Amino acid sequence: MTNMSAKLAECQTSMRSPLPVIVIGNGPSGICLSYLLSGYTPYLKAGAIHPNPLLQKKLEEFPNVPITKQDLEYLSEGLEGRSNSPLALLFDTLLRPDTDFLGDVDSVLKWTMEPERAVPHLVLGRGPPGGAWNAIEGSMITLSRGDWMGLPDLSFKDWMRTKKRNLRNDRSTAGDILNYYQYYVKNKRLENNFLSGAVVTSIMKISKDMENTSRSETIWNNAEFEEEQNQHNCVFRVSGFIKNDIGPKQDFCLFAENVVLATGTYDSPSQLGIQGEDLPFVSHQISALEEAVKLKNVHQDSDPVLIIGAGLTAADAILLARHYNIPVVHAFRRRVNDPALIFNQLPHVMYPEYHKVHQMMKEQSVFQGGPYEGYTSLPEHHAVCFSDDKKCTFRDKYGEHKAFKVSMVFILIGSNPNLCFLPKHGRDLALDTEQPVNSKRNPLDIDPFTYECIQEKGLYAVGPLAGDYFVRFVQGGALAVANTLLKSKKKPP
């Protein structure tokens, strides 16, 4: 804790001398942004030819100007791909040209370290670098191809070769991904920008003239102070504490001119909102199943575990339970042939294990049995309640009720971002201010070319909060923020 205290003391700021940038979240988005703000500068590689001739022509117009200083809206115009974000598509195609067509064209970017371009910043994370990847069981296989998980200027495939490890169906384990991200932070010498174990409890925008600002004096999204904000007389106050397993927590209060939200969407698991959901045998995280297996609280002779959900996390839980021969009851609301079901969208060859789960869902009927002993499928079933005796009651599509005796329940139906440190949990910043923030249905309202929140100048959002989900695409948000901050960087006197 001594080292952490020293690190915190080094990072302390005042209202009068705030940090230029504080990043909340140390997952892939935060790591990539830290890299771009640390002086690493991308240029068009000499002799590089991008397979998109229009983009190639634009890149050749200013070959000696860093990409982070160019007009990104102009460069991204006309690009198409698997993301709705133009800058996500731009950065992805610069890093991995032609990858959607299984091409093997090298990145057209070269990276140089230019310390004079660095923007001082601090990245706060609840755990070690890697964000949510710290909480994923290491043997789980990634949905995306392994080379899509890589960050700028350090190929994930090349890193895997140094570890003498191979990809499986072009995919990797979550453990390898986490180790890669942590190695990346060390290899690129970003460690001094990261403060781990930091839990943010409050972000407020305040006036520099309010030396003793209370919560009620905060000028968050207040039109009365619009002129003052335009004069750069406001800063963000970021408050929280450092977690300590062996002693009291250590509070901190930092100030920043800009704040970037990169917290992802895994902090707050979605709930069913039914009776008994808070009972001790009910959990909303797959990690609880991993722990129960290790402690032998569930095993092949126990009552079945109930897994609720029809997404990939639920499928991972089923695969984990099946690996240890633990009986499973699997309930989900959709039809097995629903086109919106994720399994109906994945190529069978690339994702054989998920195809197997989908096959089980279709063939193992609770009424007719099937070839998969120890697994029971309950399609189009809605959970009604859980009782103290570990009985779970369901309602099927005909309105009939049935109950099952189980050992544990795992409700794996997605998650929502936890923005409790923002006023109104960030609702005022969302596309629909009347609804909670949701990465898929109601992300934060941002400028697509700067990623700055429309309703709050100086506040940015990247990753799932901005509607970008996959690692290959969240990096476009980091590029947008770095581009904006580097262009507005104050020149030294």
Protein backbone atom coordinates (compact mmCIF):
# COMPACT_ATOMS: atom_id res chain seq x y z
CA MET A 1 0.00 0.00 0.00
CA THR A 2 3.02 2.25 0.53
CA ASN A 3 3.75 2.26 -3.18
CA MET A 4 0.11 3.05 -3.92
CA SER A 5 0.18 5.93 -1.45
CA ALA A 6 3.29 7.31 -3.09
CA LYS A 7 1.68 6.94 -6.49
CA LEU A 8 -1.44 8.74 -5.31
CA ALA A 9 0.61 11.54 -3.77
CA GLU A 10 2.44 11.94 -7.07
CA CYS A 11 -0.87 12.22 -8.93
CA GLN A 12 -2.56 14.71 -6.60
CA THR A 13 -3.76 17.84 -8.34
CA SER A 14 -5.31 21.12 -7.32
CA MET A 15 -8.15 23.14 -8.73
CA ARG A 16 -5.65 25.73 -9.94
CA SER A 17 -3.30 23.22 -11.60
CA PRO A 18 -5.51 20.38 -12.83
CA LEU A 19 -4.40 17.46 -14.98
CA PRO A 20 -5.25 17.90 -18.65
CA VAL A 21 -6.99 14.49 -18.75
CA ILE A 22 -8.29 11.83 -16.36
CA VAL A 23 -9.52 8.56 -17.85
CA ILE A 24 -12.01 6.48 -15.83
CA GLY A 25 -11.48 2.81 -16.76
CA ASN A 26 -8.34 0.84 -17.64
CA GLY A 27 -9.66 -1.66 -20.17
CA PRO A 28 -8.69 -1.71 -23.87
CA SER A 29 -10.22 1.76 -24.48
CA GLY A 30 -8.31 3.36 -21.64
CA ILE A 31 -5.06 1.58 -22.53
CA CYS A 32 -5.29 2.61 -26.19
CA LEU A 33 -6.06 6.22 -25.26
CA SER A 34 -3.12 6.31 -22.84
CA TYR A 35 -0.86 5.07 -25.64
CA LEU A 36 -2.04 7.82 -27.99
CA LEU A 37 -1.66 10.51 -25.30
CA SER A 38 1.84 9.37 -24.28
CA GLY A 39 3.62 10.71 -27.34
CA TYR A 40 3.25 7.68 -29.61
CA THR A 41 2.42 9.22 -32.97
CA PRO A 42 1.03 7.49 -36.11
CA TYR A 43 2.10 8.42 -39.64
CA LEU A 44 1.45 6.86 -43.02
CA LYS A 45 4.16 4.24 -43.50
CA ALA A 46 6.49 5.00 -46.41
CA GLY A 47 5.54 2.91 -49.43
CA ALA A 48 2.40 1.53 -47.77
CA ILE A 49 -0.57 0.95 -50.07
CA HIS A 50 -4.00 0.68 -48.51
CA PRO A 51 -6.43 -1.64 -50.37
CA ASN A 52 -9.05 1.13 -50.31
CA PRO A 53 -7.86 3.44 -53.15
CA LEU A 54 -9.97 6.42 -52.03
CA LEU A 55 -8.56 6.27 -48.51
CA GLN A 56 -5.06 5.77 -49.91
CA LYS A 57 -5.41 8.94 -51.98
CA LYS A 58 -6.51 10.93 -48.91
CA LEU A 59 -3.65 9.57 -46.81
CA GLU A 60 -1.12 10.61 -49.45
CA GLU A 61 -2.28 14.23 -49.31
CA PHE A 62 -0.53 14.87 -45.98
CA PRO A 63 1.95 12.00 -45.53
CA ASN A 64 4.09 13.91 -43.02
CA VAL A 65 1.20 15.00 -40.80
CA PRO A 66 0.34 12.63 -37.92
CA ILE A 67 -3.01 10.89 -38.25
CA THR A 68 -3.86 12.25 -34.80
CA LYS A 69 -3.58 15.81 -36.17
CA GLN A 70 -5.54 15.30 -39.40
CA ASP A 71 -9.21 15.80 -40.28
CA LEU A 72 -10.64 12.44 -39.20
CA GLU A 73 -14.10 13.22 -40.54
CA TYR A 74 -12.61 13.71 -44.00
CA LEU A 75 -10.51 10.53 -43.80
CA SER A 76 -13.42 8.38 -42.62
CA GLU A 77 -15.95 9.62 -45.16
CA GLY A 78 -17.35 6.77 -47.28
CA LEU A 79 -15.95 3.90 -45.18
CA GLU A 80 -18.25 0.92 -44.60
CA GLY A 81 -17.98 -2.04 -42.27
CA ARG A 82 -19.26 -3.79 -39.17
CA SER A 83 -19.51 -0.68 -37.03
CA ASN A 84 -21.77 2.36 -37.17
CA SER A 85 -18.94 4.60 -36.02
CA PRO A 86 -16.97 6.22 -38.86
CA LEU A 87 -13.88 6.66 -36.71
CA ALA A 88 -14.04 3.08 -35.45
CA LEU A 89 -14.00 1.97 -39.08
CA LEU A 90 -11.17 4.37 -39.92
CA PHE A 91 -8.77 3.32 -37.18
CA ASP A 92 -9.59 -0.35 -37.64
CA THR A 93 -8.87 -0.25 -41.37
CA LEU A 94 -5.62 1.64 -40.78
CA LEU A 95 -4.49 -0.97 -38.27
CA ARG A 96 -5.95 -4.04 -40.01
CA PRO A 97 -6.55 -3.30 -43.72
CA ASP A 98 -8.86 -5.76 -45.48
CA THR A 99 -9.32 -7.89 -42.34
CA ASP A 100 -13.05 -8.42 -42.89
CA PHE A 101 -12.17 -10.16 -46.15
CA LEU A 102 -9.60 -12.31 -44.32
CA GLY A 103 -6.84 -10.32 -45.96
CA ASP A 104 -3.35 -10.24 -44.48
CA VAL A 105 -2.32 -6.70 -45.39
CA ASP A 106 0.00 -5.12 -42.81
CA SER A 107 -0.95 -1.93 -41.03
CA VAL A 108 -0.28 1.18 -43.11
CA LEU A 109 0.81 3.07 -40.00
CA LYS A 110 4.24 3.58 -38.54
CA TRP A 111 4.60 4.77 -34.95
CA THR A 112 7.19 7.16 -33.60
CA MET A 113 7.71 8.38 -30.05
CA GLU A 114 7.48 12.17 -29.94
CA PRO A 115 7.49 13.24 -26.27
CA GLU A 116 6.62 16.83 -27.17
CA ARG A 117 3.20 15.62 -28.32
CA ALA A 118 2.39 13.87 -25.03
CA VAL A 119 -0.61 15.03 -23.01
CA PRO A 120 -0.28 14.45 -19.23
CA HIS A 121 -3.04 12.13 -18.07
CA LEU A 122 -4.04 9.59 -15.45
CA VAL A 123 -5.96 6.34 -15.97
CA LEU A 124 -8.00 5.16 -12.98
CA GLY A 125 -9.04 1.50 -12.74
CA ARG A 126 -10.75 -0.60 -10.09
CA GLY A 127 -8.27 -3.41 -10.67
CA PRO A 128 -5.06 -4.01 -12.62
CA PRO A 129 -4.88 -2.87 -16.27
CA GLY A 130 -7.23 -4.89 -18.45
CA GLY A 131 -10.57 -3.72 -17.11
CA ALA A 132 -13.33 -6.32 -17.29
CA TRP A 133 -10.91 -8.92 -18.67
CA ASN A 134 -9.66 -9.33 -15.09
CA ALA A 135 -13.05 -10.79 -14.14
CA ILE A 136 -13.40 -13.27 -17.04
CA GLU A 137 -12.41 -16.89 -16.46
CA GLY A 138 -9.07 -17.36 -18.18
CA SER A 139 -9.97 -20.46 -20.20
CA MET A 140 -12.96 -18.82 -21.90
CA ILE A 141 -12.55 -18.44 -25.67
CA THR A 142 -13.06 -14.97 -27.12
CA LEU A 143 -15.88 -14.24 -29.52
CA SER A 144 -13.68 -12.10 -31.75
CA ARG A 145 -10.69 -13.34 -33.70
CA GLY A 146 -7.47 -13.07 -31.73
CA ASP A 147 -5.83 -10.60 -34.09
CA TRP A 148 -8.84 -8.29 -33.64
CA MET A 149 -8.03 -8.01 -29.94
CA GLY A 150 -4.68 -6.34 -30.55
CA LEU A 151 -3.76 -2.74 -29.75
CA PRO A 152 -1.66 -0.35 -31.89
CA ASP A 153 1.96 -1.22 -32.72
CA LEU A 154 2.03 -4.62 -31.00
CA SER A 155 0.41 -7.43 -32.96
CA PHE A 156 -1.42 -9.89 -30.75
CA LYS A 157 -0.38 -12.73 -33.06
CA ASP A 158 3.27 -11.71 -32.76
CA TRP A 159 2.95 -11.56 -28.98
CA MET A 160 1.39 -15.04 -28.97
CA ARG A 161 4.32 -16.37 -31.00
CA THR A 162 6.76 -15.09 -28.39
CA LYS A 163 4.79 -17.09 -25.81
CA LYS A 164 4.89 -20.15 -28.10
CA ARG A 165 1.10 -20.30 -28.00
CA ASN A 166 -1.35 -20.79 -30.84
CA LEU A 167 -4.81 -19.40 -31.57
CA ARG A 168 -7.79 -21.79 -31.58
CA ASN A 169 -9.90 -21.33 -34.71
CA ASP A 170 -8.22 -17.90 -34.94
CA ARG A 171 -9.50 -17.11 -31.44
CA SER A 172 -7.80 -16.79 -28.09
CA THR A 173 -8.45 -17.39 -24.40
CA ALA A 174 -9.47 -14.55 -22.11
CA GLY A 175 -6.39 -15.29 -20.01
CA ASP A 176 -4.07 -14.67 -22.95
CA ILE A 177 -5.91 -11.45 -23.80
CA LEU A 178 -5.54 -10.15 -20.23
CA ASN A 179 -1.83 -11.04 -20.13
CA TYR A 180 -1.35 -9.29 -23.47
CA TYR A 181 -3.00 -6.07 -22.25
CA GLN A 182 -0.94 -6.03 -19.08
CA TYR A 183 2.24 -6.72 -21.06
CA TYR A 184 1.26 -3.92 -23.47
CA VAL A 185 1.09 -1.38 -20.62
CA LYS A 186 4.57 -2.41 -19.46
CA ASN A 187 6.09 -2.76 -22.93
CA LYS A 188 4.91 0.70 -24.00
CA ARG A 189 6.01 2.17 -20.66
CA LEU A 190 2.56 3.43 -19.76
CA GLU A 191 2.63 2.24 -16.14
CA ASN A 192 3.20 5.70 -14.66
CA ASN A 193 -0.11 6.80 -16.19
CA PHE A 194 -2.11 4.08 -14.41
CA LEU A 195 -3.49 4.04 -10.87
CA SER A 196 -5.02 0.67 -10.00
CA GLY A 197 -7.46 -0.10 -7.20
CA ALA A 198 -9.10 3.31 -7.65
CA VAL A 199 -12.86 3.44 -7.17
CA VAL A 200 -14.45 6.66 -8.43
CA THR A 201 -17.46 7.77 -6.38
CA SER A 202 -18.12 11.24 -7.78
CA ILE A 203 -17.38 13.41 -10.82
CA MET A 204 -18.47 17.04 -10.62
CA LYS A 205 -17.86 20.09 -12.77
CA ILE A 206 -17.02 23.08 -10.65
CA SER A 207 -15.83 26.64 -11.05
CA LYS A 208 -12.22 27.44 -10.22
CA ASP A 209 -13.53 30.43 -8.29
CA MET A 210 -15.41 28.17 -5.85
CA GLU A 211 -12.56 27.13 -3.59
CA ASN A 212 -14.89 25.37 -1.16
CA THR A 213 -17.45 24.01 -3.59
CA SER A 214 -20.17 21.87 -2.05
CA ARG A 215 -22.34 19.40 -3.92
CA SER A 216 -25.16 21.91 -4.19
CA GLU A 217 -22.84 24.43 -5.84
CA THR A 218 -21.82 22.11 -8.64
CA ILE A 219 -22.35 23.62 -12.10
CA TRP A 220 -23.06 20.44 -14.03
CA ASN A 221 -24.87 20.98 -17.32
CA ASN A 222 -26.05 24.39 -16.14
CA ALA A 223 -26.85 26.99 -18.80
CA GLU A 224 -26.23 29.77 -16.28
CA PHE A 225 -22.52 29.00 -16.39
CA GLU A 226 -22.24 28.47 -20.16
CA GLU A 227 -20.20 31.62 -20.67
CA GLU A 228 -17.90 30.74 -17.80
CA GLN A 229 -17.35 27.24 -19.22
CA ASN A 230 -16.47 28.71 -22.60
CA GLN A 231 -13.78 30.74 -20.84
CA HIS A 232 -12.20 27.53 -19.52
CA ASN A 233 -12.80 28.59 -15.93
CA CYS A 234 -14.22 25.23 -14.90
CA VAL A 235 -12.65 21.92 -13.97
CA PHE A 236 -13.87 18.43 -13.14
CA ARG A 237 -13.44 17.21 -9.59
CA VAL A 238 -12.93 13.43 -9.49
CA SER A 239 -13.36 11.90 -6.03
CA GLY A 240 -13.07 8.34 -4.79
CA PHE A 241 -10.93 5.96 -2.77
CA ILE A 242 -8.14 3.43 -3.19
CA LYS A 243 -9.16 -0.11 -2.24
CA ASN A 244 -7.04 -1.73 0.44
CA ASP A 245 -7.51 -5.33 1.55
CA ILE A 246 -5.39 -5.00 4.66
CA GLY A 247 -6.24 -1.55 5.99
CA PRO A 248 -8.51 1.46 5.73
CA LYS A 249 -9.31 2.82 2.31
CA GLN A 250 -7.49 5.94 1.16
CA ASP A 251 -9.63 8.77 -0.17
CA PHE A 252 -8.54 10.91 -3.10
CA CYS A 253 -9.71 14.10 -4.79
CA LEU A 254 -8.26 15.00 -8.19
CA PHE A 255 -8.97 17.79 -10.65
CA ALA A 256 -8.91 17.62 -14.45
CA GLU A 257 -9.68 19.84 -17.41
CA ASN A 258 -11.11 16.85 -19.30
CA VAL A 259 -12.54 13.51 -18.20
CA VAL A 260 -12.92 10.43 -20.39
CA LEU A 261 -15.43 7.75 -19.40
CA ALA A 262 -14.10 4.33 -20.41
CA THR A 263 -15.81 2.17 -17.80
CA GLY A 264 -17.43 -0.34 -20.14
CA THR A 265 -20.75 -1.98 -19.41
CA TYR A 266 -20.04 -4.94 -17.12
CA ASP A 267 -20.25 -3.30 -13.70
CA SER A 268 -23.98 -3.78 -13.08
CA PRO A 269 -25.52 -7.14 -14.13
CA SER A 270 -29.10 -6.95 -15.40
CA GLN A 271 -31.76 -8.35 -13.08
CA LEU A 272 -35.11 -10.04 -13.64
CA GLY A 273 -36.82 -8.06 -10.88
CA ILE A 274 -38.70 -11.04 -9.42
CA GLN A 275 -39.29 -12.40 -5.92
CA GLY A 276 -36.34 -14.27 -4.43
CA GLU A 277 -33.73 -12.83 -6.77
CA ASP A 278 -31.68 -11.66 -3.78
CA LEU A 279 -31.54 -15.11 -2.12
CA PRO A 280 -27.99 -16.38 -1.39
CA PHE A 281 -28.09 -19.20 -3.94
CA VAL A 282 -28.92 -16.75 -6.77
CA SER A 283 -26.08 -15.00 -8.60
CA HIS A 284 -25.73 -12.69 -11.61
CA GLN A 285 -22.10 -13.43 -12.47
CA ILE A 286 -20.45 -16.41 -14.13
CA SER A 287 -17.51 -16.02 -11.74
CA ALA A 288 -19.79 -17.32 -8.96
CA LEU A 289 -20.15 -20.59 -10.88
CA GLU A 290 -16.37 -20.84 -11.23
CA GLU A 291 -16.00 -20.31 -7.48
CA ALA A 292 -18.73 -22.85 -6.66
CA VAL A 293 -16.97 -25.44 -8.83
CA LYS A 294 -13.63 -24.81 -7.09
CA LEU A 295 -15.24 -25.12 -3.64
CA LYS A 296 -17.20 -28.22 -4.80
CA ASN A 297 -20.47 -26.59 -3.79
CA VAL A 298 -21.83 -27.92 -7.07
CA HIS A 299 -20.79 -31.22 -8.64
CA GLN A 300 -22.10 -34.06 -10.79
CA ASP A 301 -24.23 -35.48 -7.95
CA SER A 302 -25.79 -32.19 -6.83
CA ASP A 303 -29.12 -30.80 -7.93
CA PRO A 304 -28.80 -29.06 -11.30
CA VAL A 305 -27.65 -25.49 -11.61
CA LEU A 306 -30.17 -23.20 -13.28
CA ILE A 307 -28.76 -20.93 -15.98
CA ILE A 308 -31.03 -18.17 -17.26
CA GLY A 309 -30.15 -16.36 -20.46
CA ALA A 310 -29.64 -16.93 -24.19
CA GLY A 311 -26.43 -15.00 -24.80
CA LEU A 312 -22.79 -15.99 -24.97
CA THR A 313 -22.17 -15.57 -21.25
CA ALA A 314 -24.96 -18.05 -20.52
CA ALA A 315 -23.45 -20.37 -23.14
CA ASP A 316 -20.04 -20.06 -21.47
CA ALA A 317 -21.64 -21.02 -18.15
CA ILE A 318 -23.26 -24.07 -19.75
CA LEU A 319 -19.95 -25.14 -21.28
CA LEU A 320 -18.20 -24.70 -17.94
CA ALA A 321 -20.81 -26.75 -16.08
CA ARG A 322 -20.79 -29.48 -18.74
CA HIS A 323 -16.99 -29.68 -18.51
CA TYR A 324 -17.35 -30.67 -14.85
CA ASN A 325 -20.39 -32.93 -15.51
CA ILE A 326 -22.63 -30.65 -13.45
CA PRO A 327 -26.32 -31.07 -14.42
CA VAL A 328 -27.89 -27.97 -15.99
CA VAL A 329 -31.38 -26.57 -16.42
CA HIS A 330 -31.26 -23.84 -19.05
CA ALA A 331 -34.15 -21.35 -19.30
CA PHE A 332 -34.54 -18.53 -21.80
CA ARG A 333 -37.35 -16.37 -23.15
CA ARG A 334 -36.69 -16.54 -26.88
CA ARG A 335 -37.52 -19.21 -29.43
CA VAL A 336 -34.52 -21.33 -30.42
CA ASN A 337 -34.94 -20.30 -34.06
CA ASP A 338 -35.36 -16.59 -33.30
CA PRO A 339 -33.16 -14.72 -35.85
CA ALA A 340 -32.13 -12.28 -33.12
CA LEU A 341 -30.60 -15.10 -31.07
CA ILE A 342 -26.83 -14.66 -31.19
CA PHE A 343 -26.26 -18.33 -32.03
CA ASN A 344 -28.17 -17.90 -35.27
CA GLN A 345 -25.69 -15.20 -36.32
CA LEU A 346 -22.39 -17.00 -35.69
CA PRO A 347 -20.58 -19.09 -38.35
CA HIS A 348 -20.62 -22.74 -37.31
CA VAL A 349 -17.06 -23.41 -38.43
CA MET A 350 -15.53 -20.60 -36.40
CA TYR A 351 -17.65 -21.12 -33.27
CA PRO A 352 -18.22 -24.88 -32.91
CA GLU A 353 -18.69 -24.77 -29.12
CA TYR A 354 -21.47 -22.18 -29.30
CA HIS A 355 -23.08 -24.08 -32.16
CA LYS A 356 -23.05 -27.14 -29.88
CA VAL A 357 -24.87 -25.21 -27.13
CA HIS A 358 -27.45 -24.03 -29.66
CA GLN A 359 -27.93 -27.59 -30.84
CA MET A 360 -28.54 -28.68 -27.25
CA MET A 361 -31.05 -25.88 -26.79
CA LYS A 362 -32.99 -27.14 -29.83
CA GLU A 363 -32.83 -30.89 -29.22
CA GLN A 364 -33.01 -31.43 -25.45
CA SER A 365 -36.68 -30.90 -24.61
CA VAL A 366 -37.89 -31.13 -21.02
CA PHE A 367 -40.86 -33.13 -22.29
CA GLN A 368 -39.29 -35.39 -24.91
CA GLY A 369 -35.77 -35.79 -23.56
CA GLY A 370 -32.86 -35.93 -25.97
CA PRO A 371 -29.28 -37.07 -26.47
CA TYR A 372 -27.69 -34.70 -23.94
CA GLU A 373 -27.87 -36.27 -20.52
CA GLY A 374 -27.61 -33.82 -17.66
CA TYR A 375 -28.93 -30.87 -19.66
CA THR A 376 -32.52 -29.62 -19.86
CA SER A 377 -33.66 -26.87 -22.23
CA LEU A 378 -36.57 -24.55 -21.34
CA PRO A 379 -37.20 -22.29 -24.35
CA GLU A 380 -39.83 -19.53 -24.08
CA HIS A 381 -39.93 -19.79 -20.31
CA HIS A 382 -40.19 -16.81 -17.97
CA ALA A 383 -38.93 -17.03 -14.39
CA VAL A 384 -41.68 -16.18 -11.90
CA CYS A 385 -40.01 -16.53 -8.50
CA PHE A 386 -37.35 -18.28 -6.42
CA SER A 387 -38.11 -19.73 -2.98
CA ASP A 388 -36.01 -20.43 0.12
CA ASP A 389 -36.06 -24.18 -0.53
CA LYS A 390 -34.25 -23.58 -3.85
CA LYS A 391 -37.30 -24.18 -5.99
CA CYS A 392 -37.64 -22.05 -9.12
CA THR A 393 -41.02 -21.44 -10.67
CA PHE A 394 -41.44 -20.72 -14.39
CA ARG A 395 -44.28 -19.78 -16.70
CA ASP A 396 -44.17 -21.25 -20.21
CA LYS A 397 -45.59 -19.76 -23.41
CA TYR A 398 -48.98 -21.35 -22.69
CA GLY A 399 -49.22 -19.68 -19.28
CA GLU A 400 -48.66 -22.91 -17.38
CA HIS A 401 -46.40 -22.96 -14.32
CA LYS A 402 -43.73 -25.52 -13.45
CA ALA A 403 -41.14 -25.67 -10.70
CA PHE A 404 -37.60 -27.09 -10.57
CA LYS A 405 -35.39 -27.93 -7.59
CA VAL A 406 -31.87 -26.60 -8.14
CA SER A 407 -28.61 -26.11 -6.28
CA MET A 408 -27.77 -22.62 -7.58
CA VAL A 409 -29.18 -20.04 -9.99
CA PHE A 410 -27.15 -17.96 -12.45
CA ILE A 411 -29.01 -15.09 -14.10
CA LEU A 412 -26.85 -14.15 -17.08
CA ILE A 413 -28.99 -11.79 -19.15
CA GLY A 414 -26.55 -8.99 -19.83
CA SER A 415 -25.30 -6.00 -17.90
CA ASN A 416 -25.55 -2.23 -17.69
CA PRO A 417 -22.93 0.44 -17.05
CA ASN A 418 -22.65 1.63 -13.48
CA LEU A 419 -22.51 5.42 -13.64
CA CYS A 420 -23.47 6.08 -10.04
CA PHE A 421 -20.60 8.58 -9.80
CA LEU A 422 -22.40 10.91 -12.24
CA PRO A 423 -25.39 13.13 -11.44
CA LYS A 424 -28.59 11.17 -12.17
CA HIS A 425 -26.42 8.16 -13.07
CA GLY A 426 -25.57 9.82 -16.37
CA ARG A 427 -29.15 10.00 -17.69
CA ASP A 428 -28.77 13.64 -18.67
CA LEU A 429 -25.97 12.60 -21.01
CA ALA A 430 -27.84 9.78 -22.80
CA LEU A 431 -29.65 9.85 -26.13
CA ASP A 432 -32.94 9.42 -24.27
CA THR A 433 -32.69 11.38 -21.04
CA GLU A 434 -35.84 9.75 -19.69
CA GLN A 435 -34.31 6.24 -19.72
CA PRO A 436 -31.32 4.68 -17.93
CA VAL A 437 -28.04 4.52 -19.83
CA ASN A 438 -27.72 1.29 -21.78
CA SER A 439 -24.85 0.57 -24.16
CA LYS A 440 -27.09 -1.04 -26.80
CA ARG A 441 -30.40 0.77 -26.46
CA ASN A 442 -29.48 4.12 -24.92
CA PRO A 443 -25.77 5.01 -25.06
CA LEU A 444 -24.38 8.41 -24.20
CA ASP A 445 -25.05 11.12 -26.75
CA ILE A 446 -21.66 11.97 -28.24
CA ASP A 447 -20.21 13.82 -31.21
CA PRO A 448 -19.26 10.99 -33.62
CA PHE A 449 -15.97 12.65 -34.58
CA THR A 450 -14.74 13.83 -31.16
CA TYR A 451 -16.61 11.49 -28.77
CA GLU A 452 -17.29 14.50 -26.57
CA CYS A 453 -20.62 14.36 -24.76
CA ILE A 454 -23.10 16.66 -26.45
CA GLN A 455 -24.50 17.89 -23.15
CA GLU A 456 -21.23 18.35 -21.26
CA LYS A 457 -18.15 19.96 -22.75
CA GLY A 458 -14.87 18.45 -21.64
CA LEU A 459 -16.49 15.10 -20.84
CA TYR A 460 -15.87 12.26 -23.30
CA ALA A 461 -17.11 8.67 -23.56
CA VAL A 462 -15.47 5.74 -25.36
CA GLY A 463 -16.17 2.04 -25.73
CA PRO A 464 -19.58 0.52 -24.92
CA LEU A 465 -20.77 3.76 -23.30
CA ALA A 466 -20.53 5.30 -26.76
CA GLY A 467 -22.09 2.29 -28.51
CA ASP A 468 -18.81 0.59 -29.52
CA TYR A 469 -18.58 -3.02 -28.31
CA PHE A 470 -15.71 -4.94 -29.86
CA VAL A 471 -12.09 -4.24 -28.98
CA ARG A 472 -11.19 -3.62 -32.61
CA PHE A 473 -13.74 -0.80 -32.76
CA VAL A 474 -13.43 0.81 -29.31
CA GLN A 475 -10.00 2.05 -30.39
CA GLY A 476 -11.65 4.46 -32.83
CA GLY A 477 -13.09 6.34 -29.87
CA ALA A 478 -9.61 6.61 -28.36
CA LEU A 479 -8.36 8.02 -31.67
CA ALA A 480 -11.19 10.58 -31.73
CA VAL A 481 -10.47 11.79 -28.18
CA ALA A 482 -6.71 11.93 -28.75
CA ASN A 483 -7.23 13.84 -32.00
CA THR A 484 -9.41 16.40 -30.22
CA LEU A 485 -7.14 16.83 -27.21
CA LEU A 486 -3.94 17.01 -29.24
CA LYS A 487 -5.39 19.70 -31.50
CA SER A 488 -6.40 21.77 -28.45
CA LYS A 489 -3.17 21.14 -26.55
CA LYS A 490 -1.69 24.31 -25.11
CA LYS A 491 1.76 25.09 -26.44
CA PRO A 492 4.45 25.52 -23.77
CA PRO A 493 5.42 29.12 -23.06
